[in-house]
Amino acid sequence: MNTSFERPYRPVDLNIPMTKAFPLMSMAEKLMREATFATSGRASLTLARGDEMTVVLTVLKAGTALEEHPAPAAATVIMLSGNIIFTTGAEKITLEPGEAVTFTTDILHAVYANEDSAFLIVIGGRGTR
């Protein structure tokens, strides 16, 4: 399996029949070496996009936060490495590798990285926003 990607990266089009494998950990490691990660503490790569789903690989540097925001549709965050705190108005959920959280489009949420972290965001079809 190819362990690299080049910018600009073109997401896989999920609206046509196909199969695609991703070397997620090596892709996450490469994202962590990008200048954007060094300066802003975050980097992401949309791996696949279609009418029914979007898949985004995201990396956050320890101490970096994604401020409170809504998702464009129901979504799931799947931890690959590191440790994050996923916060909604009502709760804080600590996620470690192999754990996930799912939420609906109406839930405002924020993410804080306790350590350098990589996770997938799987967003359901096109939202109503």
C-alpha atoms as a PDB file:
ATOM      1  CA  MET A   1       0.000   0.000   0.000  1.00  0.00           C
ATOM      2  CA  ASN A   2       1.321   3.432  -0.891  1.00  0.00           C
ATOM      3  CA  THR A   3       2.314   5.248   2.303  1.00  0.00           C
ATOM      4  CA  SER A   4       2.495   8.737   0.875  1.00  0.00           C
ATOM      5  CA  PHE A   5       0.323  11.513  -0.470  1.00  0.00           C
ATOM      6  CA  GLU A   6       1.156  14.740  -2.230  1.00  0.00           C
ATOM      7  CA  ARG A   7      -0.420  18.169  -1.911  1.00  0.00           C
ATOM      8  CA  PRO A   8      -2.681  19.175  -3.458  1.00  0.00           C
ATOM      9  CA  TYR A   9      -4.498  15.983  -2.557  1.00  0.00           C
ATOM     10  CA  ARG A  10      -7.643  15.077  -4.415  1.00  0.00           C
ATOM     11  CA  PRO A  11     -10.179  13.255  -2.210  1.00  0.00           C
ATOM     12  CA  VAL A  12     -11.578   9.975  -3.426  1.00  0.00           C
ATOM     13  CA  ASP A  13     -14.963  10.508  -5.095  1.00  0.00           C
ATOM     14  CA  LEU A  14     -17.439   8.281  -3.275  1.00  0.00           C
ATOM     15  CA  ASN A  15     -20.144   8.935  -5.848  1.00  0.00           C
ATOM     16  CA  ILE A  16     -18.573   6.466  -8.292  1.00  0.00           C
ATOM     17  CA  PRO A  17     -18.107   2.720  -7.668  1.00  0.00           C
ATOM     18  CA  MET A  18     -14.646   2.111  -6.235  1.00  0.00           C
ATOM     19  CA  THR A  19     -12.513   0.740  -3.413  1.00  0.00           C
ATOM     20  CA  LYS A  20      -9.596   2.588  -1.839  1.00  0.00           C
ATOM     21  CA  ALA A  21      -7.332   1.694   1.086  1.00  0.00           C
ATOM     22  CA  PHE A  22      -5.539   4.334   3.177  1.00  0.00           C
ATOM     23  CA  PRO A  23      -2.348   3.919   5.255  1.00  0.00           C
ATOM     24  CA  LEU A  24      -3.820   6.114   7.995  1.00  0.00           C
ATOM     25  CA  MET A  25      -0.944   6.129  10.477  1.00  0.00           C
ATOM     26  CA  SER A  26       1.735   6.954   7.910  1.00  0.00           C
ATOM     27  CA  MET A  27      -0.528   9.647   6.432  1.00  0.00           C
ATOM     28  CA  ALA A  28      -1.053  11.101   9.923  1.00  0.00           C
ATOM     29  CA  GLU A  29       2.699  11.090  10.549  1.00  0.00           C
ATOM     30  CA  LYS A  30       3.260  12.954   7.278  1.00  0.00           C
ATOM     31  CA  LEU A  31       0.585  15.527   8.237  1.00  0.00           C
ATOM     32  CA  MET A  32       2.438  16.072  11.519  1.00  0.00           C
ATOM     33  CA  ARG A  33       5.583  16.951   9.546  1.00  0.00           C
ATOM     34  CA  GLU A  34       3.825  19.640   7.479  1.00  0.00           C
ATOM     35  CA  ALA A  35       4.546  23.322   8.074  1.00  0.00           C
ATOM     36  CA  THR A  36       0.864  23.955   8.858  1.00  0.00           C
ATOM     37  CA  PHE A  37       1.054  21.550  11.801  1.00  0.00           C
ATOM     38  CA  ALA A  38       4.223  23.222  13.089  1.00  0.00           C
ATOM     39  CA  THR A  39       2.736  26.720  12.952  1.00  0.00           C
ATOM     40  CA  SER A  40      -0.957  26.223  13.767  1.00  0.00           C
ATOM     41  CA  GLY A  41      -0.875  22.938  15.674  1.00  0.00           C
ATOM     42  CA  ARG A  42      -3.285  21.277  13.285  1.00  0.00           C
ATOM     43  CA  ALA A  43      -3.496  19.761   9.828  1.00  0.00           C
ATOM     44  CA  SER A  44      -6.107  17.762   7.984  1.00  0.00           C
ATOM     45  CA  LEU A  45      -6.667  15.874   4.781  1.00  0.00           C
ATOM     46  CA  THR A  46     -10.063  15.068   3.278  1.00  0.00           C
ATOM     47  CA  LEU A  47      -9.587  11.461   2.210  1.00  0.00           C
ATOM     48  CA  ALA A  48     -12.948  10.807   0.584  1.00  0.00           C
ATOM     49  CA  ARG A  49     -16.063  12.790  -0.226  1.00  0.00           C
ATOM     50  CA  GLY A  50     -19.465  11.893  -1.631  1.00  0.00           C
ATOM     51  CA  ASP A  51     -23.156  12.612  -1.314  1.00  0.00           C
ATOM     52  CA  GLU A  52     -23.506  10.170   1.585  1.00  0.00           C
ATOM     53  CA  MET A  53     -20.254  10.608   3.512  1.00  0.00           C
ATOM     54  CA  THR A  54     -17.041  12.610   3.946  1.00  0.00           C
ATOM     55  CA  VAL A  55     -13.926  11.201   5.650  1.00  0.00           C
ATOM     56  CA  VAL A  56     -11.294  13.587   7.057  1.00  0.00           C
ATOM     57  CA  LEU A  57      -7.973  12.650   8.663  1.00  0.00           C
ATOM     58  CA  THR A  58      -7.060  15.261  11.280  1.00  0.00           C
ATOM     59  CA  VAL A  59      -3.971  15.755  13.448  1.00  0.00           C
ATOM     60  CA  LEU A  60      -3.651  18.095  16.432  1.00  0.00           C
ATOM     61  CA  LYS A  61      -0.513  19.057  18.344  1.00  0.00           C
ATOM     62  CA  ALA A  62      -0.597  18.704  22.121  1.00  0.00           C
ATOM     63  CA  GLY A  63      -2.271  21.761  23.659  1.00  0.00           C
ATOM     64  CA  THR A  64      -4.137  22.697  20.470  1.00  0.00           C
ATOM     65  CA  ALA A  65      -7.914  23.126  20.385  1.00  0.00           C
ATOM     66  CA  LEU A  66     -10.608  23.195  17.741  1.00  0.00           C
ATOM     67  CA  GLU A  67     -12.984  25.842  19.015  1.00  0.00           C
ATOM     68  CA  GLU A  68     -16.684  25.093  19.462  1.00  0.00           C
ATOM     69  CA  HIS A  69     -18.452  24.512  16.153  1.00  0.00           C
ATOM     70  CA  PRO A  70     -21.343  22.511  14.655  1.00  0.00           C
ATOM     71  CA  ALA A  71     -20.907  19.625  12.232  1.00  0.00           C
ATOM     72  CA  PRO A  72     -22.529  19.956   8.795  1.00  0.00           C
ATOM     73  CA  ALA A  73     -24.249  16.580   9.407  1.00  0.00           C
ATOM     74  CA  ALA A  74     -24.172  13.740  11.935  1.00  0.00           C
ATOM     75  CA  ALA A  75     -20.564  12.692  12.503  1.00  0.00           C
ATOM     76  CA  THR A  76     -18.259  10.255  14.253  1.00  0.00           C
ATOM     77  CA  VAL A  77     -14.755  10.951  15.571  1.00  0.00           C
ATOM     78  CA  ILE A  78     -12.529   7.831  15.649  1.00  0.00           C
ATOM     79  CA  MET A  79      -9.251   8.043  17.566  1.00  0.00           C
ATOM     80  CA  LEU A  80      -6.141   6.643  15.898  1.00  0.00           C
ATOM     81  CA  SER A  81      -3.377   7.890  18.214  1.00  0.00           C
ATOM     82  CA  GLY A  82      -2.924  10.283  21.102  1.00  0.00           C
ATOM     83  CA  ASN A  83      -5.580  11.576  23.458  1.00  0.00           C
ATOM     84  CA  ILE A  84      -8.234  14.269  22.994  1.00  0.00           C
ATOM     85  CA  ILE A  85     -11.045  15.743  25.037  1.00  0.00           C
ATOM     86  CA  PHE A  86     -14.272  16.062  23.062  1.00  0.00           C
ATOM     87  CA  THR A  87     -16.508  18.653  24.714  1.00  0.00           C
ATOM     88  CA  THR A  88     -20.155  19.523  24.243  1.00  0.00           C
ATOM     89  CA  GLY A  89     -22.097  21.988  26.345  1.00  0.00           C
ATOM     90  CA  ALA A  90     -23.133  19.166  28.656  1.00  0.00           C
ATOM     91  CA  GLU A  91     -20.167  16.792  28.817  1.00  0.00           C
ATOM     92  CA  LYS A  92     -16.470  16.102  28.351  1.00  0.00           C
ATOM     93  CA  ILE A  93     -15.421  12.818  26.792  1.00  0.00           C
ATOM     94  CA  THR A  94     -11.782  11.735  26.788  1.00  0.00           C
ATOM     95  CA  LEU A  95     -10.943   9.652  23.725  1.00  0.00           C
ATOM     96  CA  GLU A  96      -7.946   7.359  23.346  1.00  0.00           C
ATOM     97  CA  PRO A  97      -6.878   5.135  20.431  1.00  0.00           C
ATOM     98  CA  GLY A  98      -9.585   2.677  19.463  1.00  0.00           C
ATOM     99  CA  GLU A  99     -12.384   4.806  20.934  1.00  0.00           C
ATOM    100  CA  ALA A 100     -14.984   6.908  19.143  1.00  0.00           C
ATOM    101  CA  VAL A 101     -17.791   9.357  19.753  1.00  0.00           C
ATOM    102  CA  THR A 102     -20.772   9.998  17.519  1.00  0.00           C
ATOM    103  CA  PHE A 103     -23.044  13.034  17.542  1.00  0.00           C
ATOM    104  CA  THR A 104     -25.808  14.705  15.606  1.00  0.00           C
ATOM    105  CA  THR A 105     -25.611  17.884  13.565  1.00  0.00           C
ATOM    106  CA  ASP A 106     -27.269  20.012  16.256  1.00  0.00           C
ATOM    107  CA  ILE A 107     -24.522  19.380  18.851  1.00  0.00           C
ATOM    108  CA  LEU A 108     -21.981  22.187  19.232  1.00  0.00           C
ATOM    109  CA  HIS A 109     -18.643  20.611  20.098  1.00  0.00           C
ATOM    110  CA  ALA A 110     -14.977  21.425  20.664  1.00  0.00           C
ATOM    111  CA  VAL A 111     -11.822  19.309  20.709  1.00  0.00           C
ATOM    112  CA  TYR A 112      -8.678  19.710  22.824  1.00  0.00           C
ATOM    113  CA  ALA A 113      -5.538  17.613  22.286  1.00  0.00           C
ATOM    114  CA  ASN A 114      -3.853  16.427  25.485  1.00  0.00           C
ATOM    115  CA  GLU A 115      -0.997  15.053  23.371  1.00  0.00           C
ATOM    116  CA  ASP A 116      -0.128  14.915  19.682  1.00  0.00           C
ATOM    117  CA  SER A 117      -3.186  13.145  18.272  1.00  0.00           C
ATOM    118  CA  ALA A 118      -4.600  11.736  15.055  1.00  0.00           C
ATOM    119  CA  PHE A 119      -8.253  10.948  14.407  1.00  0.00           C
ATOM    120  CA  LEU A 120     -10.732  10.337  11.640  1.00  0.00           C
ATOM    121  CA  ILE A 121     -13.867  12.408  11.271  1.00  0.00           C
ATOM    122  CA  VAL A 122     -16.610  10.602   9.373  1.00  0.00           C
ATOM    123  CA  ILE A 123     -19.379  13.029   8.429  1.00  0.00           C
ATOM    124  CA  GLY A 124     -22.730  11.729   7.198  1.00  0.00           C
ATOM    125  CA  GLY A 125     -24.335  12.895   3.942  1.00  0.00           C
ATOM    126  CA  ARG A 126     -24.933  16.480   3.068  1.00  0.00           C
ATOM    127  CA  GLY A 127     -26.303  18.368   6.049  1.00  0.00           C
ATOM    128  CA  THR A 128     -29.093  20.884   6.088  1.00  0.00           C
ATOM    129  CA  ARG A 129     -26.792  23.801   6.963  1.00  0.00           C
END
